[in-house]
C-alpha atoms as a PDB file:
ATOM      1  CA  UNK A   1      16.115  -2.254  -9.414  1.00  0.00           C
ATOM      2  CA  UNK A   2      13.189  -0.165 -10.636  1.00  0.00           C
ATOM      3  CA  UNK A   3      10.018  -1.006  -8.730  1.00  0.00           C
ATOM      4  CA  UNK A   4       6.401   0.074  -9.182  1.00  0.00           C
ATOM      5  CA  UNK A   5       3.994  -0.279  -6.252  1.00  0.00           C
ATOM      6  CA  UNK A   6       0.271  -0.926  -6.758  1.00  0.00           C
ATOM      7  CA  UNK A   7      -2.140  -0.677  -3.848  1.00  0.00           C
ATOM      8  CA  UNK A   8      -5.740  -1.833  -3.833  1.00  0.00           C
ATOM      9  CA  UNK A   9      -7.757  -0.409  -0.969  1.00  0.00           C
ATOM     10  CA  UNK A  10     -10.982   1.285  -0.066  1.00  0.00           C
ATOM     11  CA  UNK A  11     -10.402   5.031   0.125  1.00  0.00           C
ATOM     12  CA  UNK A  12      -7.486   4.859  -2.324  1.00  0.00           C
ATOM     13  CA  UNK A  13      -7.864   8.471  -3.452  1.00  0.00           C
ATOM     14  CA  UNK A  14      -7.814   9.736   0.131  1.00  0.00           C
ATOM     15  CA  UNK A  15      -4.709   7.634   0.868  1.00  0.00           C
ATOM     16  CA  UNK A  16      -2.935   8.933  -2.235  1.00  0.00           C
ATOM     17  CA  UNK A  17      -3.708  12.495  -1.124  1.00  0.00           C
ATOM     18  CA  UNK A  18      -2.475  11.769   2.399  1.00  0.00           C
ATOM     19  CA  UNK A  19       0.777  10.386   1.009  1.00  0.00           C
ATOM     20  CA  UNK A  20       1.328  13.521  -1.083  1.00  0.00           C
ATOM     21  CA  UNK A  21       0.620  15.782   1.910  1.00  0.00           C
ATOM     22  CA  UNK A  22       2.990  13.805   4.141  1.00  0.00           C
ATOM     23  CA  UNK A  23       5.759  14.003   1.531  1.00  0.00           C
ATOM     24  CA  UNK A  24       5.155  17.734   1.066  1.00  0.00           C
ATOM     25  CA  UNK A  25       5.357  18.395   4.828  1.00  0.00           C
ATOM     26  CA  UNK A  26       8.513  16.295   5.150  1.00  0.00           C
ATOM     27  CA  UNK A  27      10.139  18.218   2.278  1.00  0.00           C
ATOM     28  CA  UNK A  28       9.149  21.536   3.829  1.00  0.00           C
ATOM     29  CA  UNK A  29      10.759  20.401   7.098  1.00  0.00           C
ATOM     30  CA  UNK A  30      13.981  19.750   5.200  1.00  0.00           C
ATOM     31  CA  UNK A  31      13.713  15.982   5.329  1.00  0.00           C
ATOM     32  CA  UNK A  32      14.799  13.854   2.409  1.00  0.00           C
ATOM     33  CA  UNK A  33      11.756  12.438   0.655  1.00  0.00           C
ATOM     34  CA  UNK A  34      12.212   9.255  -1.310  1.00  0.00           C
ATOM     35  CA  UNK A  35      10.516   9.206  -4.683  1.00  0.00           C
ATOM     36  CA  UNK A  36       7.949   6.444  -5.126  1.00  0.00           C
ATOM     37  CA  UNK A  37       6.128   5.027  -8.127  1.00  0.00           C
ATOM     38  CA  UNK A  38       2.782   4.112  -6.656  1.00  0.00           C
ATOM     39  CA  UNK A  39      -0.672   3.511  -8.104  1.00  0.00           C
ATOM     40  CA  UNK A  40      -3.842   3.279  -6.037  1.00  0.00           C
ATOM     41  CA  UNK A  41      -7.035   1.448  -6.979  1.00  0.00           C
ATOM     42  CA  UNK A  42     -10.295   1.479  -4.999  1.00  0.00           C
ATOM     43  CA  UNK A  43     -11.090  -2.138  -5.786  1.00  0.00           C
ATOM     44  CA  UNK A  44      -9.759  -5.375  -7.199  1.00  0.00           C
ATOM     45  CA  UNK A  45     -12.170  -4.922 -10.110  1.00  0.00           C
ATOM     46  CA  UNK A  46     -10.680  -1.522 -10.925  1.00  0.00           C
ATOM     47  CA  UNK A  47      -7.174  -2.994 -10.946  1.00  0.00           C
ATOM     48  CA  UNK A  48      -8.264  -5.933 -13.123  1.00  0.00           C
ATOM     49  CA  UNK A  49      -9.951  -3.562 -15.581  1.00  0.00           C
ATOM     50  CA  UNK A  50      -6.571  -1.884 -16.109  1.00  0.00           C
ATOM     51  CA  UNK A  51      -4.140  -4.758 -15.724  1.00  0.00           C
ATOM     52  CA  UNK A  52      -5.826  -7.350 -17.949  1.00  0.00           C
ATOM     53  CA  UNK A  53      -4.155 -10.637 -18.887  1.00  0.00           C
ATOM     54  CA  UNK A  54      -3.263  -9.245 -22.344  1.00  0.00           C
ATOM     55  CA  UNK A  55      -1.702  -6.135 -20.807  1.00  0.00           C
ATOM     56  CA  UNK A  56       0.222  -8.287 -18.348  1.00  0.00           C
ATOM     57  CA  UNK A  57       1.536 -10.330 -21.274  1.00  0.00           C
ATOM     58  CA  UNK A  58       2.489  -7.083 -23.059  1.00  0.00           C
ATOM     59  CA  UNK A  59       4.395  -5.824 -19.991  1.00  0.00           C
ATOM     60  CA  UNK A  60       6.300  -9.106 -19.637  1.00  0.00           C
ATOM     61  CA  UNK A  61       7.168  -9.081 -23.334  1.00  0.00           C
ATOM     62  CA  UNK A  62       8.447  -5.487 -23.250  1.00  0.00           C
ATOM     63  CA  UNK A  63      10.495  -6.185 -20.129  1.00  0.00           C
ATOM     64  CA  UNK A  64      12.317  -8.954 -21.975  1.00  0.00           C
ATOM     65  CA  UNK A  65      12.411  -7.320 -25.409  1.00  0.00           C
ATOM     66  CA  UNK A  66      11.762  -3.590 -25.914  1.00  0.00           C
ATOM     67  CA  UNK A  67       9.913  -2.904 -29.172  1.00  0.00           C
ATOM     68  CA  UNK A  68      10.644  -0.529 -32.053  1.00  0.00           C
ATOM     69  CA  UNK A  69       7.047   0.668 -31.980  1.00  0.00           C
ATOM     70  CA  UNK A  70       3.426  -0.338 -31.644  1.00  0.00           C
ATOM     71  CA  UNK A  71       3.190  -2.095 -35.015  1.00  0.00           C
ATOM     72  CA  UNK A  72       6.321  -4.121 -34.293  1.00  0.00           C
ATOM     73  CA  UNK A  73       4.994  -5.000 -30.845  1.00  0.00           C
ATOM     74  CA  UNK A  74       1.640  -6.075 -32.299  1.00  0.00           C
ATOM     75  CA  UNK A  75       3.448  -8.329 -34.790  1.00  0.00           C
ATOM     76  CA  UNK A  76       5.588  -9.869 -32.050  1.00  0.00           C
ATOM     77  CA  UNK A  77       2.522 -10.513 -29.876  1.00  0.00           C
ATOM     78  CA  UNK A  78       0.400 -11.631 -32.857  1.00  0.00           C
ATOM     79  CA  UNK A  79      -2.296  -9.129 -31.880  1.00  0.00           C
ATOM     80  CA  UNK A  80      -4.350  -6.437 -33.568  1.00  0.00           C
ATOM     81  CA  UNK A  81      -2.495  -3.111 -33.871  1.00  0.00           C
ATOM     82  CA  UNK A  82      -5.488  -1.087 -32.644  1.00  0.00           C
ATOM     83  CA  UNK A  83      -5.833  -3.183 -29.473  1.00  0.00           C
ATOM     84  CA  UNK A  84      -2.088  -3.058 -28.782  1.00  0.00           C
ATOM     85  CA  UNK A  85      -2.188   0.726 -29.247  1.00  0.00           C
ATOM     86  CA  UNK A  86      -5.031   0.977 -26.709  1.00  0.00           C
ATOM     87  CA  UNK A  87      -3.140  -1.205 -24.239  1.00  0.00           C
ATOM     88  CA  UNK A  88       0.127   0.702 -24.677  1.00  0.00           C
ATOM     89  CA  UNK A  89      -1.668   4.036 -24.205  1.00  0.00           C
ATOM     90  CA  UNK A  90      -3.355   2.860 -20.997  1.00  0.00           C
ATOM     91  CA  UNK A  91      -0.163   1.384 -19.545  1.00  0.00           C
ATOM     92  CA  UNK A  92       1.956   4.394 -20.531  1.00  0.00           C
ATOM     93  CA  UNK A  93      -0.541   6.715 -18.842  1.00  0.00           C
ATOM     94  CA  UNK A  94      -0.027   4.748 -15.623  1.00  0.00           C
ATOM     95  CA  UNK A  95       3.749   4.932 -15.980  1.00  0.00           C
ATOM     96  CA  UNK A  96       4.180   1.206 -16.532  1.00  0.00           C
ATOM     97  CA  UNK A  97       5.508   1.601 -20.097  1.00  0.00           C
ATOM     98  CA  UNK A  98       7.904   4.207 -21.450  1.00  0.00           C
ATOM     99  CA  UNK A  99       7.348   5.669 -24.909  1.00  0.00           C
ATOM    100  CA  UNK A 100      10.581   7.062 -26.296  1.00  0.00           C
ATOM    101  CA  UNK A 101      10.909   9.984 -28.759  1.00  0.00           C
ATOM    102  CA  UNK A 102      11.902   7.593 -31.559  1.00  0.00           C
ATOM    103  CA  UNK A 103       8.638   5.646 -31.073  1.00  0.00           C
ATOM    104  CA  UNK A 104      10.230   2.693 -29.310  1.00  0.00           C
ATOM    105  CA  UNK A 105       8.644   1.166 -26.216  1.00  0.00           C
ATOM    106  CA  UNK A 106      10.086  -0.325 -23.061  1.00  0.00           C
ATOM    107  CA  UNK A 107       9.008  -1.506 -19.638  1.00  0.00           C
ATOM    108  CA  UNK A 108      11.510   0.007 -17.184  1.00  0.00           C
ATOM    109  CA  UNK A 109      10.422  -1.843 -14.058  1.00  0.00           C
ATOM    110  CA  UNK A 110      12.041  -4.989 -12.726  1.00  0.00           C
ATOM    111  CA  UNK A 111       9.176  -5.490 -10.319  1.00  0.00           C
ATOM    112  CA  UNK A 112       5.569  -4.484  -9.857  1.00  0.00           C
ATOM    113  CA  UNK A 113       4.528  -5.121  -6.267  1.00  0.00           C
ATOM    114  CA  UNK A 114       0.896  -5.222  -5.256  1.00  0.00           C
ATOM    115  CA  UNK A 115      -0.683  -4.756  -1.853  1.00  0.00           C
ATOM    116  CA  UNK A 116      -4.342  -5.565  -1.403  1.00  0.00           C
ATOM    117  CA  UNK A 117      -5.835  -4.277   1.830  1.00  0.00           C
ATOM    118  CA  UNK A 118      -8.926  -6.158   3.046  1.00  0.00           C
ATOM    119  CA  UNK A 119      -9.502  -4.124   6.184  1.00  0.00           C
ATOM    120  CA  UNK A 120      -9.201  -0.437   6.976  1.00  0.00           C
END
């Protein structure tokens, strides 16, 4: 099962850096380092600005039915092509959507898990 982990916490950038350093040191020591798909956000507002209700709907749709392209996806969702293009670009940049060489789109994750830390 492909899983993507989202973490919302104060000091997210510092935590992401610490995770990279820890993985680097473990690899240098010859330890096996498990690959992770993880996104960090400094606040709930930052997460909500990226993962809007329309983008959530788009992700769910692509998970069930990959699309031939952005225009086809916009038709299926009954949305404006320009807005769907913006959403696909943002989600692809975060690694939540895959854009294939033939222009098709898919959502490769079975699960997106979120952790929201309220205290340091």
